[in-house]
Amino acid sequence: MGTFRDAMEYPLLRAGLIMLVLALVISAAGFYRVGKVYSASGTLGEGMHYLGDDKFETEYLYHNRTLILSSSGANLSLLQGTEMTNYTLVNREITLHPSERPVIYIFNGSVNYTYSATAVDYPYAIYSVVAFVLMLVGVVMAFMGYSQLLRDVKEGRR
């Protein structure tokens, strides 16, 4: 049986192994992550207010949200999905960590708010599809090259 160097003389086997290594590198690049931050602050009057950015909230993963509310005298409700929580703020500040994009309904008064959300983005994750295709083609080509090598060894050419 030949050595690895002899086996690399078969173009299909060599191309298949190169594709497999390339697929491994591309798929490893898909694990690269980038932190994203959204922040907003201001004063809210009476009525319903949707905090946050809809695009940011839906585009990125694993949100960590912080909402700081303060007022000298306001009644409000915080809506998160189907859960509603009522607050009365009289010269105080509260810090909340909502699990979803918050919606605030202010009954009376005005509320100062600071909303920040951090998330994770995987910008190279889409290339995993290319890595998968390379892996499939690489396996087929390496198998064909290895079959050629075995056939040559059996026939005594190697």
Protein backbone atom coordinates (compact mmCIF):
# COMPACT_ATOMS: atom_id res chain seq x y z
CA MET A 1 0.00 0.00 0.00
CA GLY A 2 1.26 3.49 -0.82
CA THR A 3 2.02 6.37 1.46
CA PHE A 4 -0.02 9.49 1.98
CA ARG A 5 2.21 11.32 -0.48
CA ASP A 6 1.44 8.66 -3.11
CA ALA A 7 -2.26 8.99 -2.40
CA MET A 8 -2.11 12.78 -2.93
CA GLU A 9 -1.09 12.16 -6.54
CA TYR A 10 -4.74 11.34 -7.30
CA PRO A 11 -6.44 14.62 -8.28
CA LEU A 12 -9.91 13.65 -7.07
CA LEU A 13 -8.65 12.60 -3.65
CA ARG A 14 -6.53 15.74 -3.31
CA ALA A 15 -9.37 18.04 -4.42
CA GLY A 16 -11.81 16.29 -2.07
CA LEU A 17 -9.52 16.67 0.93
CA ILE A 18 -8.87 20.33 0.10
CA MET A 19 -12.62 20.94 -0.09
CA LEU A 20 -13.13 19.23 3.27
CA VAL A 21 -10.47 21.39 4.93
CA LEU A 22 -11.93 24.51 3.31
CA ALA A 23 -15.41 23.55 4.51
CA LEU A 24 -14.06 23.14 8.03
CA VAL A 25 -12.47 26.60 7.97
CA ILE A 26 -15.62 28.26 6.59
CA SER A 27 -17.86 26.55 9.15
CA ALA A 28 -15.52 27.64 11.96
CA ALA A 29 -15.83 31.24 10.74
CA GLY A 30 -19.59 30.94 11.26
CA PHE A 31 -19.02 30.88 15.03
CA TYR A 32 -17.60 34.43 14.99
CA ARG A 33 -20.00 36.66 16.90
CA VAL A 34 -20.42 40.39 17.24
CA GLY A 35 -22.19 42.26 20.02
CA LYS A 36 -24.87 44.75 18.98
CA VAL A 37 -26.27 47.53 21.15
CA TYR A 38 -29.45 49.61 20.89
CA SER A 39 -30.14 52.49 23.26
CA ALA A 40 -32.85 55.13 23.52
CA SER A 41 -33.94 57.62 26.15
CA GLY A 42 -36.40 60.46 26.50
CA THR A 43 -39.66 61.54 28.07
CA LEU A 44 -42.99 59.83 27.44
CA GLY A 45 -46.37 61.52 27.82
CA GLU A 46 -49.80 59.97 28.28
CA GLY A 47 -50.76 57.18 25.91
CA MET A 48 -49.30 53.96 24.51
CA HIS A 49 -45.60 53.84 23.65
CA TYR A 50 -43.64 51.06 21.96
CA LEU A 51 -40.01 51.11 23.09
CA GLY A 52 -37.10 49.75 21.12
CA ASP A 53 -36.47 49.28 17.45
CA ASP A 54 -38.53 46.60 15.71
CA LYS A 55 -35.74 45.75 13.28
CA PHE A 56 -33.17 45.39 16.08
CA GLU A 57 -35.52 43.27 18.21
CA THR A 58 -36.26 40.79 15.42
CA GLU A 59 -32.91 40.66 13.60
CA TYR A 60 -30.55 39.72 16.44
CA LEU A 61 -30.43 36.91 19.01
CA TYR A 62 -30.17 36.63 22.81
CA HIS A 63 -31.36 40.04 23.91
CA ASN A 64 -30.43 41.46 27.28
CA ARG A 65 -32.79 44.38 27.91
CA THR A 66 -32.70 47.05 30.61
CA LEU A 67 -35.46 49.63 31.13
CA ILE A 68 -35.08 52.45 33.66
CA LEU A 69 -38.22 54.47 34.42
CA SER A 70 -38.46 57.55 36.63
CA SER A 71 -41.17 60.09 37.33
CA SER A 72 -42.32 62.62 39.87
CA GLY A 73 -45.85 61.26 39.70
CA ALA A 74 -47.20 58.89 37.06
CA ASN A 75 -49.33 55.77 36.76
CA LEU A 76 -48.36 53.34 34.04
CA SER A 77 -48.71 49.78 32.83
CA LEU A 78 -45.89 47.76 31.33
CA LEU A 79 -47.01 45.20 28.74
CA GLN A 80 -44.76 42.27 27.79
CA GLY A 81 -46.52 39.80 25.55
CA THR A 82 -49.62 38.74 27.50
CA GLU A 83 -48.30 39.94 30.88
CA MET A 84 -49.29 43.36 32.22
CA THR A 85 -47.74 45.00 35.31
CA ASN A 86 -48.98 48.26 36.86
CA TYR A 87 -46.64 50.80 38.49
CA THR A 88 -47.15 54.06 40.35
CA LEU A 89 -44.05 56.22 40.27
CA VAL A 90 -43.91 59.04 42.81
CA ASN A 91 -40.43 60.58 42.97
CA ARG A 92 -38.76 57.26 42.36
CA GLU A 93 -36.86 55.29 39.76
CA ILE A 94 -37.27 51.62 38.88
CA THR A 95 -35.00 49.37 36.86
CA LEU A 96 -36.61 46.52 34.93
CA HIS A 97 -35.24 43.74 32.77
CA PRO A 98 -38.03 42.94 30.28
CA SER A 99 -37.98 39.61 28.50
CA GLU A 100 -39.66 41.03 25.38
CA ARG A 101 -39.87 44.37 23.65
CA PRO A 102 -41.69 46.56 26.18
CA VAL A 103 -44.89 48.48 25.58
CA ILE A 104 -45.77 51.19 28.09
CA TYR A 105 -49.22 52.70 28.61
CA ILE A 106 -49.09 55.88 30.69
CA PHE A 107 -52.38 56.83 32.33
CA ASN A 108 -51.34 60.21 33.74
CA GLY A 109 -48.16 62.23 34.12
CA SER A 110 -44.93 61.89 32.23
CA VAL A 111 -42.16 59.34 32.54
CA ASN A 112 -38.45 59.65 31.81
CA TYR A 113 -37.01 56.46 30.39
CA THR A 114 -33.75 54.89 29.34
CA TYR A 115 -34.00 51.69 27.32
CA SER A 116 -31.01 49.67 26.21
CA ALA A 117 -30.77 46.27 24.60
CA THR A 118 -27.71 44.23 23.80
CA ALA A 119 -27.77 41.29 21.43
CA VAL A 120 -25.54 38.87 19.57
CA ASP A 121 -25.10 38.65 15.81
CA TYR A 122 -23.37 35.93 13.81
CA PRO A 123 -22.52 37.77 10.57
CA TYR A 124 -20.80 34.82 8.84
CA ALA A 125 -23.37 32.16 9.74
CA ILE A 126 -24.88 32.27 6.24
CA TYR A 127 -21.63 30.87 4.84
CA SER A 128 -22.29 27.60 6.64
CA VAL A 129 -24.53 26.68 3.69
CA VAL A 130 -21.51 27.03 1.38
CA ALA A 131 -19.45 24.95 3.83
CA PHE A 132 -22.11 22.24 3.82
CA VAL A 133 -22.14 22.05 0.01
CA LEU A 134 -18.33 22.00 -0.06
CA MET A 135 -18.35 19.20 2.51
CA LEU A 136 -20.77 17.09 0.45
CA VAL A 137 -18.83 17.59 -2.79
CA GLY A 138 -15.52 17.03 -0.97
CA VAL A 139 -16.69 13.73 0.53
CA VAL A 140 -17.85 12.46 -2.87
CA MET A 141 -14.64 13.50 -4.61
CA ALA A 142 -12.41 12.08 -1.87
CA PHE A 143 -14.34 8.81 -1.98
CA MET A 144 -13.97 8.62 -5.77
CA GLY A 145 -10.23 9.34 -5.52
CA TYR A 146 -9.78 6.78 -2.76
CA SER A 147 -11.66 4.20 -4.86
CA GLN A 148 -9.29 4.93 -7.74
CA LEU A 149 -6.31 4.46 -5.40
CA LEU A 150 -7.63 1.12 -4.14
CA ARG A 151 -8.33 -0.07 -7.70
CA ASP A 152 -4.76 0.80 -8.74
CA VAL A 153 -3.33 -0.97 -5.68
CA LYS A 154 -5.43 -4.05 -6.46
CA GLU A 155 -4.29 -4.07 -10.08
CA GLY A 156 -0.68 -3.73 -8.99
CA ARG A 157 -0.05 -0.28 -10.45
CA ARG A 158 0.83 1.09 -6.99
